[in-house]
Amino acid sequence: MIEIIIYGIIWCFAIYGILVMIQEIVRNSTYKKIEENVKLIVTVKNVEDGIENYIRELSFGRNFYNNLVIIDLDSEDETMCILKELEKENINLKILNKKEGEIYLNNQIK
C-alpha cells in the first residue's frame, strides 16, 4: 500500500515537472518574440552623474541593449560624452541628439 502511495507521489512530481518545463518553453519563445518588437526610449538632459549607472542597472541581466534608444535633449554637461563612451564599450545603444530623436520618434509612430 505504501509503495502505491510513493509511486503516486513520484508520478505527480514527474507530471508537474513536465508541465512546468512546457510552460517555460512557451514563455521563453513568446518573450523573445515580444522582446524583438519592444523599444525602450529614454530621454535625458544634464544627468552626467547617474546616467552610466542607470543604463547599466537597467540592462543588468536583460537584453535591453539591443532595444534601448537614448535621446539627449541638448544636455549642457558631459551626458553625451558618457553615452558615447558606453557605445564604445560595445554596448549596442542607439544614441540620438534632440533633432535625430524627433525624426526617429516620428518614423516609429507612423
C-alpha atoms as a PDB file:
ATOM      1  CA  MET A   1       0.000   0.000   0.000  1.00  0.00           C
ATOM      2  CA  ILE A   2       2.806   2.411   0.893  1.00  0.00           C
ATOM      3  CA  GLU A   3       4.522   1.517  -2.365  1.00  0.00           C
ATOM      4  CA  ILE A   4       1.481   2.655  -4.368  1.00  0.00           C
ATOM      5  CA  ILE A   5       1.358   5.962  -2.485  1.00  0.00           C
ATOM      6  CA  ILE A   6       5.086   6.583  -3.079  1.00  0.00           C
ATOM      7  CA  TYR A   7       4.753   5.774  -6.789  1.00  0.00           C
ATOM      8  CA  GLY A   8       1.715   8.053  -6.970  1.00  0.00           C
ATOM      9  CA  ILE A   9       3.666  10.909  -5.386  1.00  0.00           C
ATOM     10  CA  ILE A  10       6.628  10.339  -7.737  1.00  0.00           C
ATOM     11  CA  TRP A  11       4.321  10.375 -10.772  1.00  0.00           C
ATOM     12  CA  CYS A  12       2.659  13.577  -9.557  1.00  0.00           C
ATOM     13  CA  PHE A  13       6.049  15.282  -9.284  1.00  0.00           C
ATOM     14  CA  ALA A  14       7.074  13.968 -12.704  1.00  0.00           C
ATOM     15  CA  ILE A  15       3.899  15.245 -14.357  1.00  0.00           C
ATOM     16  CA  TYR A  16       4.220  18.584 -12.560  1.00  0.00           C
ATOM     17  CA  GLY A  17       7.845  18.885 -13.725  1.00  0.00           C
ATOM     18  CA  ILE A  18       6.884  18.201 -17.326  1.00  0.00           C
ATOM     19  CA  LEU A  19       4.087  20.776 -17.202  1.00  0.00           C
ATOM     20  CA  VAL A  20       6.419  23.406 -15.725  1.00  0.00           C
ATOM     21  CA  MET A  21       9.013  22.657 -18.393  1.00  0.00           C
ATOM     22  CA  ILE A  22       6.421  23.064 -21.164  1.00  0.00           C
ATOM     23  CA  GLN A  23       5.231  26.317 -19.591  1.00  0.00           C
ATOM     24  CA  GLU A  24       8.810  27.690 -19.520  1.00  0.00           C
ATOM     25  CA  ILE A  25       9.410  26.741 -23.147  1.00  0.00           C
ATOM     26  CA  VAL A  26       6.241  28.551 -24.216  1.00  0.00           C
ATOM     27  CA  ARG A  27       7.046  31.570 -22.040  1.00  0.00           C
ATOM     28  CA  ASN A  28      10.612  31.868 -23.358  1.00  0.00           C
ATOM     29  CA  SER A  29       9.624  31.612 -27.005  1.00  0.00           C
ATOM     30  CA  THR A  30       6.839  34.165 -26.532  1.00  0.00           C
ATOM     31  CA  TYR A  31       9.092  36.571 -24.593  1.00  0.00           C
ATOM     32  CA  LYS A  32      11.750  36.546 -27.301  1.00  0.00           C
ATOM     33  CA  LYS A  33       9.175  37.389 -29.969  1.00  0.00           C
ATOM     34  CA  ILE A  34       7.828  40.280 -27.909  1.00  0.00           C
ATOM     35  CA  GLU A  35      11.309  41.471 -26.942  1.00  0.00           C
ATOM     36  CA  GLU A  36      12.296  41.978 -30.586  1.00  0.00           C
ATOM     37  CA  ASN A  37       9.424  44.404 -31.138  1.00  0.00           C
ATOM     38  CA  VAL A  38       9.783  46.438 -27.946  1.00  0.00           C
ATOM     39  CA  LYS A  39      11.926  49.568 -27.824  1.00  0.00           C
ATOM     40  CA  LEU A  40      12.753  51.297 -24.597  1.00  0.00           C
ATOM     41  CA  ILE A  41      13.182  55.013 -25.282  1.00  0.00           C
ATOM     42  CA  VAL A  42      14.773  57.159 -22.602  1.00  0.00           C
ATOM     43  CA  THR A  43      15.126  60.916 -22.867  1.00  0.00           C
ATOM     44  CA  VAL A  44      17.913  62.536 -20.866  1.00  0.00           C
ATOM     45  CA  LYS A  45      19.152  66.023 -20.120  1.00  0.00           C
ATOM     46  CA  ASN A  46      22.019  67.037 -17.831  1.00  0.00           C
ATOM     47  CA  VAL A  47      22.281  63.726 -15.984  1.00  0.00           C
ATOM     48  CA  GLU A  48      26.009  63.057 -16.162  1.00  0.00           C
ATOM     49  CA  ASP A  49      26.155  61.996 -12.504  1.00  0.00           C
ATOM     50  CA  GLY A  50      23.867  58.991 -12.840  1.00  0.00           C
ATOM     51  CA  ILE A  51      23.367  58.072 -16.489  1.00  0.00           C
ATOM     52  CA  GLU A  52      26.041  55.378 -16.672  1.00  0.00           C
ATOM     53  CA  ASN A  53      24.811  53.552 -13.568  1.00  0.00           C
ATOM     54  CA  TYR A  54      21.209  53.938 -14.719  1.00  0.00           C
ATOM     55  CA  ILE A  55      21.882  52.286 -18.076  1.00  0.00           C
ATOM     56  CA  ARG A  56      23.983  49.503 -16.548  1.00  0.00           C
ATOM     57  CA  GLU A  57      21.355  48.753 -13.879  1.00  0.00           C
ATOM     58  CA  LEU A  58      18.526  48.991 -16.381  1.00  0.00           C
ATOM     59  CA  SER A  59      20.055  46.371 -18.611  1.00  0.00           C
ATOM     60  CA  PHE A  60      21.606  44.124 -15.952  1.00  0.00           C
ATOM     61  CA  GLY A  61      20.533  40.562 -16.645  1.00  0.00           C
ATOM     62  CA  ARG A  62      18.357  41.627 -19.539  1.00  0.00           C
ATOM     63  CA  ASN A  63      18.933  42.076 -23.217  1.00  0.00           C
ATOM     64  CA  PHE A  64      17.757  45.685 -23.387  1.00  0.00           C
ATOM     65  CA  TYR A  65      20.915  46.924 -25.065  1.00  0.00           C
ATOM     66  CA  ASN A  66      19.627  45.943 -28.485  1.00  0.00           C
ATOM     67  CA  ASN A  67      16.368  47.783 -27.917  1.00  0.00           C
ATOM     68  CA  LEU A  68      17.494  50.795 -25.890  1.00  0.00           C
ATOM     69  CA  VAL A  69      17.238  54.234 -27.511  1.00  0.00           C
ATOM     70  CA  ILE A  70      18.634  57.237 -25.642  1.00  0.00           C
ATOM     71  CA  ILE A  71      17.620  60.702 -26.802  1.00  0.00           C
ATOM     72  CA  ASP A  72      19.701  63.542 -25.397  1.00  0.00           C
ATOM     73  CA  LEU A  73      17.694  66.770 -25.110  1.00  0.00           C
ATOM     74  CA  ASP A  74      20.630  69.161 -25.600  1.00  0.00           C
ATOM     75  CA  SER A  75      22.466  68.462 -22.350  1.00  0.00           C
ATOM     76  CA  GLU A  76      24.895  71.141 -21.265  1.00  0.00           C
ATOM     77  CA  ASP A  77      27.063  68.755 -19.230  1.00  0.00           C
ATOM     78  CA  GLU A  78      29.016  65.608 -20.137  1.00  0.00           C
ATOM     79  CA  THR A  79      25.965  63.359 -20.583  1.00  0.00           C
ATOM     80  CA  MET A  80      26.517  62.853 -24.315  1.00  0.00           C
ATOM     81  CA  CYS A  81      30.236  62.063 -23.810  1.00  0.00           C
ATOM     82  CA  ILE A  82      29.375  59.408 -21.234  1.00  0.00           C
ATOM     83  CA  LEU A  83      26.827  57.875 -23.590  1.00  0.00           C
ATOM     84  CA  LYS A  84      29.396  57.807 -26.405  1.00  0.00           C
ATOM     85  CA  GLU A  85      31.858  56.039 -24.070  1.00  0.00           C
ATOM     86  CA  LEU A  86      29.231  53.405 -23.298  1.00  0.00           C
ATOM     87  CA  GLU A  87      28.687  52.995 -27.008  1.00  0.00           C
ATOM     88  CA  LYS A  88      32.435  52.380 -27.474  1.00  0.00           C
ATOM     89  CA  GLU A  89      32.267  49.529 -24.931  1.00  0.00           C
ATOM     90  CA  ASN A  90      30.270  47.578 -27.498  1.00  0.00           C
ATOM     91  CA  ILE A  91      27.060  48.323 -25.706  1.00  0.00           C
ATOM     92  CA  ASN A  92      24.612  48.436 -28.588  1.00  0.00           C
ATOM     93  CA  LEU A  93      22.754  51.624 -27.701  1.00  0.00           C
ATOM     94  CA  LYS A  94      21.083  53.902 -30.158  1.00  0.00           C
ATOM     95  CA  ILE A  95      22.147  57.376 -29.030  1.00  0.00           C
ATOM     96  CA  LEU A  96      20.450  60.329 -30.677  1.00  0.00           C
ATOM     97  CA  ASN A  97      20.547  64.065 -30.216  1.00  0.00           C
ATOM     98  CA  LYS A  98      17.320  66.047 -29.946  1.00  0.00           C
ATOM     99  CA  LYS A  99      16.815  66.572 -33.677  1.00  0.00           C
ATOM    100  CA  GLU A 100      17.635  62.965 -34.564  1.00  0.00           C
ATOM    101  CA  GLY A 101      15.318  61.845 -31.757  1.00  0.00           C
ATOM    102  CA  GLU A 102      12.405  63.816 -33.166  1.00  0.00           C
ATOM    103  CA  ILE A 103      12.921  62.236 -36.597  1.00  0.00           C
ATOM    104  CA  TYR A 104      13.272  58.768 -35.069  1.00  0.00           C
ATOM    105  CA  LEU A 105      10.094  59.120 -32.993  1.00  0.00           C
ATOM    106  CA  ASN A 106       8.107  60.440 -35.945  1.00  0.00           C
ATOM    107  CA  ASN A 107       9.205  57.458 -38.043  1.00  0.00           C
ATOM    108  CA  GLN A 108       8.350  54.988 -35.268  1.00  0.00           C
ATOM    109  CA  ILE A 109       4.875  56.406 -34.704  1.00  0.00           C
ATOM    110  CA  LYS A 110       3.832  56.130 -38.346  1.00  0.00           C
END
